Amino acid sequence: MAKTTTWKITDLTCYPQSAGQTDVVFQIKWMCTVNYLSSDGEVGFQQKQAGSCELSYSEGDPFTPYADLTEDQVWGWVDAQIDRPSIEAQLNSEIDAQVTPTQVNPPLPWAS
C-alpha cells in the first residue's frame, strides 16, 4: 500500500489587456490529489484540495509573455502564497482516517 501525491495547475485566468501587456495572468487555479493505492495498484482512497491564487501586475514590473510561461514559473507564484507541505499533511491525515478510522457508525443493533 502506498500513497501518491499529485499537484497540478488547472487553469490560468488572464486579462486580455492590462498595463500595456497582453494576456496578463491574474488568477491561478491549482489542485492537490493524494491517492492511497492498494497492493494491486488500484486507488482505494482519494482526497483532493483545490485552490486559487490571485496575482497583480503593474506597468513596469517584470513580465513574461503568456506563451513563454513555464509551469515552474507559475508554481513559483503559487508557492509564494500557499503552504504545500501543510496541504499535503492535511490530505494525508484525511486518508489515514479513512484507512484506519478512529470512529465508526455500525448499524443499529435492532435494525434488520
PDB file of N, CA and C in Angstrom:
ATOM      1  N   MET A   1       0.839  -1.163   0.000  1.00  0.00           N
ATOM      2  CA  MET A   1       0.000   0.000   0.000  1.00  0.00           C
ATOM      3  C   MET A   1       0.896   1.242   0.000  1.00  0.00           C
ATOM      4  N   ALA A   2       0.523   2.186  -0.825  1.00  0.00           N
ATOM      5  CA  ALA A   2       1.340   3.395  -0.962  1.00  0.00           C
ATOM      6  C   ALA A   2       0.442   4.591  -1.229  1.00  0.00           C
ATOM      7  N   LYS A   3       0.978   5.743  -0.954  1.00  0.00           N
ATOM      8  CA  LYS A   3       0.273   6.989  -1.253  1.00  0.00           C
ATOM      9  C   LYS A   3       1.023   7.707  -2.365  1.00  0.00           C
ATOM     10  N   THR A   4       0.271   8.344  -3.236  1.00  0.00           N
ATOM     11  CA  THR A   4       0.862   9.200  -4.260  1.00  0.00           C
ATOM     12  C   THR A   4       0.250  10.591  -4.127  1.00  0.00           C
ATOM     13  N   THR A   5       1.057  11.598  -4.355  1.00  0.00           N
ATOM     14  CA  THR A   5       0.592  12.979  -4.301  1.00  0.00           C
ATOM     15  C   THR A   5       0.865  13.634  -5.647  1.00  0.00           C
ATOM     16  N   THR A   6      -0.166  14.276  -6.186  1.00  0.00           N
ATOM     17  CA  THR A   6      -0.040  14.953  -7.477  1.00  0.00           C
ATOM     18  C   THR A   6      -0.508  16.389  -7.336  1.00  0.00           C
ATOM     19  N   TRP A   7       0.330  17.312  -7.775  1.00  0.00           N
ATOM     20  CA  TRP A   7      -0.018  18.732  -7.827  1.00  0.00           C
ATOM     21  C   TRP A   7      -0.197  19.113  -9.285  1.00  0.00           C
ATOM     22  N   LYS A   8      -1.221  19.917  -9.555  1.00  0.00           N
ATOM     23  CA  LYS A   8      -1.495  20.291 -10.941  1.00  0.00           C
ATOM     24  C   LYS A   8      -2.029  21.729 -11.003  1.00  0.00           C
ATOM     25  N   ILE A   9      -1.525  22.487 -11.950  1.00  0.00           N
ATOM     26  CA  ILE A   9      -2.119  23.781 -12.276  1.00  0.00           C
ATOM     27  C   ILE A   9      -3.293  23.457 -13.187  1.00  0.00           C
ATOM     28  N   THR A  10      -4.500  23.900 -12.811  1.00  0.00           N
ATOM     29  CA  THR A  10      -5.681  23.526 -13.586  1.00  0.00           C
ATOM     30  C   THR A  10      -6.189  24.643 -14.491  1.00  0.00           C
ATOM     31  N   ASP A  11      -5.798  25.896 -14.206  1.00  0.00           N
ATOM     32  CA  ASP A  11      -6.319  26.978 -15.030  1.00  0.00           C
ATOM     33  C   ASP A  11      -5.549  28.270 -14.755  1.00  0.00           C
ATOM     34  N   LEU A  12      -5.377  29.059 -15.781  1.00  0.00           N
ATOM     35  CA  LEU A  12      -4.829  30.409 -15.661  1.00  0.00           C
ATOM     36  C   LEU A  12      -5.859  31.362 -16.244  1.00  0.00           C
ATOM     37  N   THR A  13      -6.265  32.356 -15.463  1.00  0.00           N
ATOM     38  CA  THR A  13      -7.215  33.350 -15.942  1.00  0.00           C
ATOM     39  C   THR A  13      -6.458  34.650 -16.177  1.00  0.00           C
ATOM     40  N   CYS A  14      -6.722  35.270 -17.326  1.00  0.00           N
ATOM     41  CA  CYS A  14      -5.959  36.443 -17.754  1.00  0.00           C
ATOM     42  C   CYS A  14      -6.867  37.621 -18.077  1.00  0.00           C
ATOM     43  N   TYR A  15      -6.286  38.809 -17.936  1.00  0.00           N
ATOM     44  CA  TYR A  15      -6.874  39.996 -18.541  1.00  0.00           C
ATOM     45  C   TYR A  15      -6.364  40.036 -19.974  1.00  0.00           C
ATOM     46  N   PRO A  16      -7.243  40.242 -20.963  1.00  0.00           N
ATOM     47  CA  PRO A  16      -6.758  40.300 -22.348  1.00  0.00           C
ATOM     48  C   PRO A  16      -5.721  41.411 -22.548  1.00  0.00           C
ATOM     49  N   GLN A  17      -5.955  42.561 -21.892  1.00  0.00           N
ATOM     50  CA  GLN A  17      -5.026  43.691 -21.946  1.00  0.00           C
ATOM     51  C   GLN A  17      -4.953  44.299 -20.549  1.00  0.00           C
ATOM     52  N   SER A  18      -3.742  44.571 -20.078  1.00  0.00           N
ATOM     53  CA  SER A  18      -3.582  45.222 -18.783  1.00  0.00           C
ATOM     54  C   SER A  18      -2.200  45.853 -18.703  1.00  0.00           C
ATOM     55  N   ALA A  19      -2.164  47.084 -18.283  1.00  0.00           N
ATOM     56  CA  ALA A  19      -0.905  47.806 -18.050  1.00  0.00           C
ATOM     57  C   ALA A  19       0.062  47.672 -19.220  1.00  0.00           C
ATOM     58  N   GLY A  20      -0.484  47.748 -20.436  1.00  0.00           N
ATOM     59  CA  GLY A  20       0.360  47.713 -21.627  1.00  0.00           C
ATOM     60  C   GLY A  20       0.798  46.320 -22.057  1.00  0.00           C
ATOM     61  N   GLN A  21       0.287  45.268 -21.425  1.00  0.00           N
ATOM     62  CA  GLN A  21       0.648  43.898 -21.782  1.00  0.00           C
ATOM     63  C   GLN A  21      -0.602  43.138 -22.229  1.00  0.00           C
ATOM     64  N   THR A  22      -0.368  41.993 -22.887  1.00  0.00           N
ATOM     65  CA  THR A  22      -1.446  41.136 -23.377  1.00  0.00           C
ATOM     66  C   THR A  22      -1.463  39.833 -22.583  1.00  0.00           C
ATOM     67  N   ASP A  23      -2.666  39.332 -22.321  1.00  0.00           N
ATOM     68  CA  ASP A  23      -2.865  38.068 -21.598  1.00  0.00           C
ATOM     69  C   ASP A  23      -2.092  38.068 -20.277  1.00  0.00           C
ATOM     70  N   VAL A  24      -2.489  38.954 -19.392  1.00  0.00           N
ATOM     71  CA  VAL A  24      -1.839  39.116 -18.094  1.00  0.00           C
ATOM     72  C   VAL A  24      -2.547  38.224 -17.077  1.00  0.00           C
ATOM     73  N   VAL A  25      -1.833  37.233 -16.565  1.00  0.00           N
ATOM     74  CA  VAL A  25      -2.411  36.289 -15.607  1.00  0.00           C
ATOM     75  C   VAL A  25      -2.731  37.013 -14.304  1.00  0.00           C
ATOM     76  N   PHE A  26      -3.980  36.833 -13.830  1.00  0.00           N
ATOM     77  CA  PHE A  26      -4.345  37.406 -12.531  1.00  0.00           C
ATOM     78  C   PHE A  26      -4.881  36.356 -11.563  1.00  0.00           C
ATOM     79  N   GLN A  27      -5.151  35.149 -12.064  1.00  0.00           N
ATOM     80  CA  GLN A  27      -5.608  34.087 -11.174  1.00  0.00           C
ATOM     81  C   GLN A  27      -5.049  32.746 -11.636  1.00  0.00           C
ATOM     82  N   ILE A  28      -4.562  31.974 -10.666  1.00  0.00           N
ATOM     83  CA  ILE A  28      -4.034  30.635 -10.928  1.00  0.00           C
ATOM     84  C   ILE A  28      -4.864  29.656 -10.103  1.00  0.00           C
ATOM     85  N   LYS A  29      -5.419  28.654 -10.751  1.00  0.00           N
ATOM     86  CA  LYS A  29      -6.151  27.609 -10.038  1.00  0.00           C
ATOM     87  C   LYS A  29      -5.279  26.360 -10.008  1.00  0.00           C
ATOM     88  N   TRP A  30      -5.287  25.686  -8.842  1.00  0.00           N
ATOM     89  CA  TRP A  30      -4.440  24.509  -8.652  1.00  0.00           C
ATOM     90  C   TRP A  30      -5.234  23.409  -7.952  1.00  0.00           C
ATOM     91  N   MET A  31      -4.700  22.187  -8.011  1.00  0.00           N
ATOM     92  CA  MET A  31      -5.332  21.031  -7.373  1.00  0.00           C
ATOM     93  C   MET A  31      -4.237  20.129  -6.816  1.00  0.00           C
ATOM     94  N   CYS A  32      -4.450  19.661  -5.589  1.00  0.00           N
ATOM     95  CA  CYS A  32      -3.584  18.647  -4.993  1.00  0.00           C
ATOM     96  C   CYS A  32      -4.427  17.400  -4.774  1.00  0.00           C
ATOM     97  N   THR A  33      -3.927  16.253  -5.225  1.00  0.00           N
ATOM     98  CA  THR A  33      -4.634  14.979  -5.072  1.00  0.00           C
ATOM     99  C   THR A  33      -3.709  13.986  -4.391  1.00  0.00           C
ATOM    100  N   VAL A  34      -4.212  13.360  -3.322  1.00  0.00           N
ATOM    101  CA  VAL A  34      -3.481  12.276  -2.657  1.00  0.00           C
ATOM    102  C   VAL A  34      -4.294  11.005  -2.852  1.00  0.00           C
ATOM    103  N   ASN A  35      -3.654   9.988  -3.405  1.00  0.00           N
ATOM    104  CA  ASN A  35      -4.276   8.679  -3.606  1.00  0.00           C
ATOM    105  C   ASN A  35      -3.624   7.663  -2.691  1.00  0.00           C
ATOM    106  N   TYR A  36      -4.441   6.815  -2.102  1.00  0.00           N
ATOM    107  CA  TYR A  36      -3.949   5.674  -1.327  1.00  0.00           C
ATOM    108  C   TYR A  36      -4.157   4.464  -2.212  1.00  0.00           C
ATOM    109  N   LEU A  37      -3.071   3.844  -2.612  1.00  0.00           N
ATOM    110  CA  LEU A  37      -3.129   2.728  -3.545  1.00  0.00           C
ATOM    111  C   LEU A  37      -3.095   1.402  -2.801  1.00  0.00           C
ATOM    112  N   SER A  38      -3.956   0.480  -3.230  1.00  0.00           N
ATOM    113  CA  SER A  38      -3.946  -0.861  -2.652  1.00  0.00           C
ATOM    114  C   SER A  38      -2.760  -1.643  -3.210  1.00  0.00           C
ATOM    115  N   SER A  39      -2.574  -2.844  -2.711  1.00  0.00           N
ATOM    116  CA  SER A  39      -1.422  -3.658  -3.131  1.00  0.00           C
ATOM    117  C   SER A  39      -1.458  -3.973  -4.625  1.00  0.00           C
ATOM    118  N   ASP A  40      -2.640  -3.941  -5.237  1.00  0.00           N
ATOM    119  CA  ASP A  40      -2.718  -4.200  -6.686  1.00  0.00           C
ATOM    120  C   ASP A  40      -2.650  -2.915  -7.514  1.00  0.00           C
ATOM    121  N   GLY A  41      -2.356  -1.797  -6.848  1.00  0.00           N
ATOM    122  CA  GLY A  41      -2.162  -0.531  -7.553  1.00  0.00           C
ATOM    123  C   GLY A  41      -3.433   0.261  -7.805  1.00  0.00           C
ATOM    124  N   GLU A  42      -4.566  -0.259  -7.339  1.00  0.00           N
ATOM    125  CA  GLU A  42      -5.830   0.455  -7.515  1.00  0.00           C
ATOM    126  C   GLU A  42      -5.977   1.542  -6.448  1.00  0.00           C
ATOM    127  N   VAL A  43      -6.677   2.611  -6.787  1.00  0.00           N
ATOM    128  CA  VAL A  43      -6.919   3.684  -5.826  1.00  0.00           C
ATOM    129  C   VAL A  43      -7.975   3.207  -4.832  1.00  0.00           C
ATOM    130  N   GLY A  44      -7.566   3.137  -3.566  1.00  0.00           N
ATOM    131  CA  GLY A  44      -8.503   2.723  -2.523  1.00  0.00           C
ATOM    132  C   GLY A  44      -9.204   3.914  -1.905  1.00  0.00           C
ATOM    133  N   PHE A  45      -8.461   4.986  -1.644  1.00  0.00           N
ATOM    134  CA  PHE A  45      -8.996   6.211  -1.072  1.00  0.00           C
ATOM    135  C   PHE A  45      -8.346   7.388  -1.779  1.00  0.00           C
ATOM    136  N   GLN A  46      -9.092   8.495  -1.832  1.00  0.00           N
ATOM    137  CA  GLN A  46      -8.561   9.677  -2.506  1.00  0.00           C
ATOM    138  C   GLN A  46      -9.064  10.929  -1.775  1.00  0.00           C
ATOM    139  N   GLN A  47      -8.186  11.893  -1.638  1.00  0.00           N
ATOM    140  CA  GLN A  47      -8.543  13.197  -1.106  1.00  0.00           C
ATOM    141  C   GLN A  47      -7.981  14.265  -2.046  1.00  0.00           C
ATOM    142  N   LYS A  48      -8.756  15.329  -2.229  1.00  0.00           N
ATOM    143  CA  LYS A  48      -8.328  16.423  -3.109  1.00  0.00           C
ATOM    144  C   LYS A  48      -8.551  17.751  -2.407  1.00  0.00           C
ATOM    145  N   GLN A  49      -7.710  18.693  -2.759  1.00  0.00           N
ATOM    146  CA  GLN A  49      -7.944  20.077  -2.356  1.00  0.00           C
ATOM    147  C   GLN A  49      -7.624  20.962  -3.544  1.00  0.00           C
ATOM    148  N   ALA A  50      -8.547  21.866  -3.830  1.00  0.00           N
ATOM    149  CA  ALA A  50      -8.353  22.830  -4.906  1.00  0.00           C
ATOM    150  C   ALA A  50      -8.236  24.213  -4.292  1.00  0.00           C
ATOM    151  N   GLY A  51      -7.574  25.081  -5.003  1.00  0.00           N
ATOM    152  CA  GLY A  51      -7.454  26.452  -4.532  1.00  0.00           C
ATOM    153  C   GLY A  51      -7.082  27.379  -5.670  1.00  0.00           C
ATOM    154  N   SER A  52      -6.991  28.638  -5.330  1.00  0.00           N
ATOM    155  CA  SER A  52      -6.584  29.614  -6.332  1.00  0.00           C
ATOM    156  C   SER A  52      -5.737  30.687  -5.676  1.00  0.00           C
ATOM    157  N   CYS A  53      -4.930  31.312  -6.484  1.00  0.00           N
ATOM    158  CA  CYS A  53      -4.059  32.398  -6.053  1.00  0.00           C
ATOM    159  C   CYS A  53      -4.321  33.587  -6.964  1.00  0.00           C
ATOM    160  N   GLU A  54      -4.320  34.755  -6.364  1.00  0.00           N
ATOM    161  CA  GLU A  54      -4.520  35.988  -7.121  1.00  0.00           C
ATOM    162  C   GLU A  54      -3.174  36.671  -7.334  1.00  0.00           C
ATOM    163  N   LEU A  55      -3.012  37.252  -8.509  1.00  0.00           N
ATOM    164  CA  LEU A  55      -1.799  37.988  -8.856  1.00  0.00           C
ATOM    165  C   LEU A  55      -2.176  39.390  -9.286  1.00  0.00           C
ATOM    166  N   SER A  56      -1.221  40.283  -9.186  1.00  0.00           N
ATOM    167  CA  SER A  56      -1.433  41.617  -9.733  1.00  0.00           C
ATOM    168  C   SER A  56      -0.194  41.995 -10.534  1.00  0.00           C
ATOM    169  N   TYR A  57      -0.430  42.748 -11.560  1.00  0.00           N
ATOM    170  CA  TYR A  57       0.668  43.220 -12.404  1.00  0.00           C
ATOM    171  C   TYR A  57       0.570  44.727 -12.508  1.00  0.00           C
ATOM    172  N   SER A  58       1.679  45.395 -12.333  1.00  0.00           N
ATOM    173  CA  SER A  58       1.744  46.848 -12.509  1.00  0.00           C
ATOM    174  C   SER A  58       2.697  47.157 -13.651  1.00  0.00           C
ATOM    175  N   GLU A  59       2.347  48.143 -14.407  1.00  0.00           N
ATOM    176  CA  GLU A  59       3.195  48.539 -15.534  1.00  0.00           C
ATOM    177  C   GLU A  59       4.624  48.759 -15.057  1.00  0.00           C
ATOM    178  N   GLY A  60       5.568  48.174 -15.784  1.00  0.00           N
ATOM    179  CA  GLY A  60       6.977  48.295 -15.437  1.00  0.00           C
ATOM    180  C   GLY A  60       7.517  47.103 -14.652  1.00  0.00           C
ATOM    181  N   ASP A  61       6.615  46.301 -14.047  1.00  0.00           N
ATOM    182  CA  ASP A  61       7.068  45.076 -13.370  1.00  0.00           C
ATOM    183  C   ASP A  61       7.637  44.105 -14.399  1.00  0.00           C
ATOM    184  N   PRO A  62       8.522  43.197 -13.988  1.00  0.00           N
ATOM    185  CA  PRO A  62       8.967  42.161 -14.931  1.00  0.00           C
ATOM    186  C   PRO A  62       7.745  41.407 -15.471  1.00  0.00           C
ATOM    187  N   PHE A  63       7.775  41.092 -16.738  1.00  0.00           N
ATOM    188  CA  PHE A  63       6.629  40.437 -17.375  1.00  0.00           C
ATOM    189  C   PHE A  63       7.115  39.348 -18.313  1.00  0.00           C
ATOM    190  N   THR A  64       6.493  38.193 -18.215  1.00  0.00           N
ATOM    191  CA  THR A  64       6.763  37.091 -19.141  1.00  0.00           C
ATOM    192  C   THR A  64       5.525  36.919 -20.010  1.00  0.00           C
ATOM    193  N   PRO A  65       5.677  36.984 -21.331  1.00  0.00           N
ATOM    194  CA  PRO A  65       4.521  36.764 -22.200  1.00  0.00           C
ATOM    195  C   PRO A  65       3.874  35.402 -21.908  1.00  0.00           C
ATOM    196  N   TYR A  66       2.556  35.362 -22.022  1.00  0.00           N
ATOM    197  CA  TYR A  66       1.804  34.153 -21.694  1.00  0.00           C
ATOM    198  C   TYR A  66       2.394  32.916 -22.377  1.00  0.00           C
ATOM    199  N   ALA A  67       2.697  33.015 -23.650  1.00  0.00           N
ATOM    200  CA  ALA A  67       3.213  31.862 -24.408  1.00  0.00           C
ATOM    201  C   ALA A  67       4.564  31.377 -23.885  1.00  0.00           C
ATOM    202  N   ASP A  68       5.273  32.226 -23.147  1.00  0.00           N
ATOM    203  CA  ASP A  68       6.597  31.867 -22.638  1.00  0.00           C
ATOM    204  C   ASP A  68       6.591  31.417 -21.178  1.00  0.00           C
ATOM    205  N   LEU A  69       5.415  31.427 -20.530  1.00  0.00           N
ATOM    206  CA  LEU A  69       5.345  30.979 -19.141  1.00  0.00           C
ATOM    207  C   LEU A  69       5.703  29.503 -19.044  1.00  0.00           C
ATOM    208  N   THR A  70       6.379  29.151 -17.968  1.00  0.00           N
ATOM    209  CA  THR A  70       6.677  27.744 -17.716  1.00  0.00           C
ATOM    210  C   THR A  70       5.902  27.310 -16.478  1.00  0.00           C
ATOM    211  N   GLU A  71       5.677  26.023 -16.365  1.00  0.00           N
ATOM    212  CA  GLU A  71       4.976  25.503 -15.194  1.00  0.00           C
ATOM    213  C   GLU A  71       5.760  25.823 -13.920  1.00  0.00           C
ATOM    214  N   ASP A  72       7.072  25.712 -13.981  1.00  0.00           N
ATOM    215  CA  ASP A  72       7.896  26.033 -12.807  1.00  0.00           C
ATOM    216  C   ASP A  72       7.719  27.497 -12.385  1.00  0.00           C
ATOM    217  N   GLN A  73       7.662  28.403 -13.346  1.00  0.00           N
ATOM    218  CA  GLN A  73       7.477  29.813 -13.022  1.00  0.00           C
ATOM    219  C   GLN A  73       6.125  30.030 -12.339  1.00  0.00           C
ATOM    220  N   VAL A  74       5.082  29.413 -12.876  1.00  0.00           N
ATOM    221  CA  VAL A  74       3.750  29.577 -12.295  1.00  0.00           C
ATOM    222  C   VAL A  74       3.701  28.956 -10.898  1.00  0.00           C
ATOM    223  N   TRP A  75       4.327  27.791 -10.714  1.00  0.00           N
ATOM    224  CA  TRP A  75       4.381  27.203  -9.371  1.00  0.00           C
ATOM    225  C   TRP A  75       5.128  28.114  -8.406  1.00  0.00           C
ATOM    226  N   GLY A  76       6.110  28.824  -8.877  1.00  0.00           N
ATOM    227  CA  GLY A  76       6.807  29.784  -8.022  1.00  0.00           C
ATOM    228  C   GLY A  76       5.858  30.849  -7.493  1.00  0.00           C
ATOM    229  N   TRP A  77       4.954  31.319  -8.349  1.00  0.00           N
ATOM    230  CA  TRP A  77       3.958  32.298  -7.910  1.00  0.00           C
ATOM    231  C   TRP A  77       3.011  31.680  -6.882  1.00  0.00           C
ATOM    232  N   VAL A  78       2.598  30.442  -7.136  1.00  0.00           N
ATOM    233  CA  VAL A  78       1.680  29.763  -6.211  1.00  0.00           C
ATOM    234  C   VAL A  78       2.380  29.508  -4.877  1.00  0.00           C
ATOM    235  N   ASP A  79       3.596  28.983  -4.939  1.00  0.00           N
ATOM    236  CA  ASP A  79       4.326  28.635  -3.712  1.00  0.00           C
ATOM    237  C   ASP A  79       4.584  29.841  -2.818  1.00  0.00           C
ATOM    238  N   ALA A  80       4.588  31.019  -3.402  1.00  0.00           N
ATOM    239  CA  ALA A  80       4.762  32.232  -2.598  1.00  0.00           C
ATOM    240  C   ALA A  80       3.512  32.524  -1.762  1.00  0.00           C
ATOM    241  N   GLN A  81       2.393  31.861  -2.102  1.00  0.00           N
ATOM    242  CA  GLN A  81       1.126  32.160  -1.431  1.00  0.00           C
ATOM    243  C   GLN A  81       0.536  31.004  -0.634  1.00  0.00           C
ATOM    244  N   ILE A  82       0.968  29.781  -0.898  1.00  0.00           N
ATOM    245  CA  ILE A  82       0.386  28.638  -0.181  1.00  0.00           C
ATOM    246  C   ILE A  82       1.481  27.821   0.493  1.00  0.00           C
ATOM    247  N   ASP A  83       1.068  26.974   1.407  1.00  0.00           N
ATOM    248  CA  ASP A  83       1.991  26.086   2.122  1.00  0.00           C
ATOM    249  C   ASP A  83       1.723  24.652   1.667  1.00  0.00           C
ATOM    250  N   ARG A  84       2.424  24.236   0.614  1.00  0.00           N
ATOM    251  CA  ARG A  84       2.176  22.898   0.055  1.00  0.00           C
ATOM    252  C   ARG A  84       2.387  21.786   1.074  1.00  0.00           C
ATOM    253  N   PRO A  85       3.470  21.799   1.890  1.00  0.00           N
ATOM    254  CA  PRO A  85       3.620  20.714   2.862  1.00  0.00           C
ATOM    255  C   PRO A  85       2.438  20.607   3.832  1.00  0.00           C
ATOM    256  N   SER A  86       1.880  21.736   4.231  1.00  0.00           N
ATOM    257  CA  SER A  86       0.738  21.726   5.140  1.00  0.00           C
ATOM    258  C   SER A  86      -0.500  21.131   4.462  1.00  0.00           C
ATOM    259  N   ILE A  87      -0.717  21.478   3.217  1.00  0.00           N
ATOM    260  CA  ILE A  87      -1.851  20.930   2.464  1.00  0.00           C
ATOM    261  C   ILE A  87      -1.696  19.428   2.299  1.00  0.00           C
ATOM    262  N   GLU A  88      -0.484  18.979   1.939  1.00  0.00           N
ATOM    263  CA  GLU A  88      -0.238  17.544   1.800  1.00  0.00           C
ATOM    264  C   GLU A  88      -0.450  16.822   3.127  1.00  0.00           C
ATOM    265  N   ALA A  89       0.026  17.409   4.220  1.00  0.00           N
ATOM    266  CA  ALA A  89      -0.133  16.785   5.539  1.00  0.00           C
ATOM    267  C   ALA A  89      -1.615  16.630   5.881  1.00  0.00           C
ATOM    268  N   GLN A  90      -2.410  17.654   5.602  1.00  0.00           N
ATOM    269  CA  GLN A  90      -3.848  17.586   5.883  1.00  0.00           C
ATOM    270  C   GLN A  90      -4.511  16.481   5.063  1.00  0.00           C
ATOM    271  N   LEU A  91      -4.208  16.421   3.776  1.00  0.00           N
ATOM    272  CA  LEU A  91      -4.807  15.394   2.920  1.00  0.00           C
ATOM    273  C   LEU A  91      -4.363  13.996   3.340  1.00  0.00           C
ATOM    274  N   ASN A  92      -3.083  13.859   3.706  1.00  0.00           N
ATOM    275  CA  ASN A  92      -2.598  12.559   4.185  1.00  0.00           C
ATOM    276  C   ASN A  92      -3.297  12.159   5.474  1.00  0.00           C
ATOM    277  N   SER A  93      -3.545  13.108   6.357  1.00  0.00           N
ATOM    278  CA  SER A  93      -4.260  12.832   7.597  1.00  0.00           C
ATOM    279  C   SER A  93      -5.687  12.362   7.306  1.00  0.00           C
ATOM    280  N   GLU A  94      -6.339  12.991   6.339  1.00  0.00           N
ATOM    281  CA  GLU A  94      -7.694  12.588   5.955  1.00  0.00           C
ATOM    282  C   GLU A  94      -7.698  11.174   5.372  1.00  0.00           C
ATOM    283  N   ILE A  95      -6.689  10.856   4.572  1.00  0.00           N
ATOM    284  CA  ILE A  95      -6.566   9.486   4.026  1.00  0.00           C
ATOM    285  C   ILE A  95      -6.360   8.500   5.175  1.00  0.00           C
ATOM    286  N   ASP A  96      -5.455   8.820   6.098  1.00  0.00           N
ATOM    287  CA  ASP A  96      -5.186   7.922   7.229  1.00  0.00           C
ATOM    288  C   ASP A  96      -6.455   7.649   8.023  1.00  0.00           C
ATOM    289  N   ALA A  97      -7.288   8.671   8.193  1.00  0.00           N
ATOM    290  CA  ALA A  97      -8.537   8.495   8.933  1.00  0.00           C
ATOM    291  C   ALA A  97      -9.507   7.585   8.190  1.00  0.00           C
ATOM    292  N   GLN A  98      -9.413   7.555   6.867  1.00  0.00           N
ATOM    293  CA  GLN A  98     -10.249   6.639   6.087  1.00  0.00           C
ATOM    294  C   GLN A  98      -9.719   5.211   6.171  1.00  0.00           C
ATOM    295  N   VAL A  99      -8.399   5.084   6.086  1.00  0.00           N
ATOM    296  CA  VAL A  99      -7.783   3.759   6.101  1.00  0.00           C
ATOM    297  C   VAL A  99      -7.952   3.104   7.469  1.00  0.00           C
ATOM    298  N   THR A 100      -7.715   3.863   8.532  1.00  0.00           N
ATOM    299  CA  THR A 100      -7.821   3.350   9.903  1.00  0.00           C
ATOM    300  C   THR A 100      -8.731   4.296  10.688  1.00  0.00           C
ATOM    301  N   PRO A 101     -10.046   4.101  10.565  1.00  0.00           N
ATOM    302  CA  PRO A 101     -10.967   5.023  11.220  1.00  0.00           C
ATOM    303  C   PRO A 101     -10.841   4.980  12.745  1.00  0.00           C
ATOM    304  N   THR A 102     -10.975   6.123  13.359  1.00  0.00           N
ATOM    305  CA  THR A 102     -10.970   6.203  14.823  1.00  0.00           C
ATOM    306  C   THR A 102     -12.399   6.229  15.360  1.00  0.00           C
ATOM    307  N   GLN A 103     -13.370   6.389  14.465  1.00  0.00           N
ATOM    308  CA  GLN A 103     -14.780   6.355  14.829  1.00  0.00           C
ATOM    309  C   GLN A 103     -15.521   5.593  13.751  1.00  0.00           C
ATOM    310  N   VAL A 104     -16.539   4.838  14.155  1.00  0.00           N
ATOM    311  CA  VAL A 104     -17.379   4.119  13.192  1.00  0.00           C
ATOM    312  C   VAL A 104     -18.833   4.295  13.595  1.00  0.00           C
ATOM    313  N   ASN A 105     -19.724   4.054  12.669  1.00  0.00           N
ATOM    314  CA  ASN A 105     -21.162   4.090  12.895  1.00  0.00           C
ATOM    315  C   ASN A 105     -21.759   2.777  12.416  1.00  0.00           C
ATOM    316  N   PRO A 106     -21.668   1.718  13.251  1.00  0.00           N
ATOM    317  CA  PRO A 106     -22.250   0.442  12.819  1.00  0.00           C
ATOM    318  C   PRO A 106     -23.773   0.550  12.775  1.00  0.00           C
ATOM    319  N   PRO A 107     -24.404  -0.394  12.082  1.00  0.00           N
ATOM    320  CA  PRO A 107     -25.863  -0.369  12.045  1.00  0.00           C
ATOM    321  C   PRO A 107     -26.432  -0.522  13.460  1.00  0.00           C
ATOM    322  N   LEU A 108     -27.600   0.027  13.661  1.00  0.00           N
ATOM    323  CA  LEU A 108     -28.243  -0.120  14.968  1.00  0.00           C
ATOM    324  C   LEU A 108     -28.482  -1.606  15.255  1.00  0.00           C
ATOM    325  N   PRO A 109     -28.253  -2.036  16.489  1.00  0.00           N
ATOM    326  CA  PRO A 109     -28.343  -3.481  16.788  1.00  0.00           C
ATOM    327  C   PRO A 109     -29.727  -4.065  16.541  1.00  0.00           C
ATOM    328  N   TRP A 110     -30.754  -3.272  16.597  1.00  0.00           N
ATOM    329  CA  TRP A 110     -32.097  -3.798  16.405  1.00  0.00           C
ATOM    330  C   TRP A 110     -32.582  -3.686  14.979  1.00  0.00           C
ATOM    331  N   ALA A 111     -31.766  -3.056  14.084  1.00  0.00           N
ATOM    332  CA  ALA A 111     -32.142  -2.959  12.672  1.00  0.00           C
ATOM    333  C   ALA A 111     -31.863  -4.285  11.983  1.00  0.00           C
ATOM    334  N   SER A 112     -32.754  -4.658  11.083  1.00  0.00           N
ATOM    335  CA  SER A 112     -32.517  -5.926  10.383  1.00  0.00           C
ATOM    336  C   SER A 112     -31.848  -5.726   9.055  1.00  0.00           C
TER     337      SER A 112
END
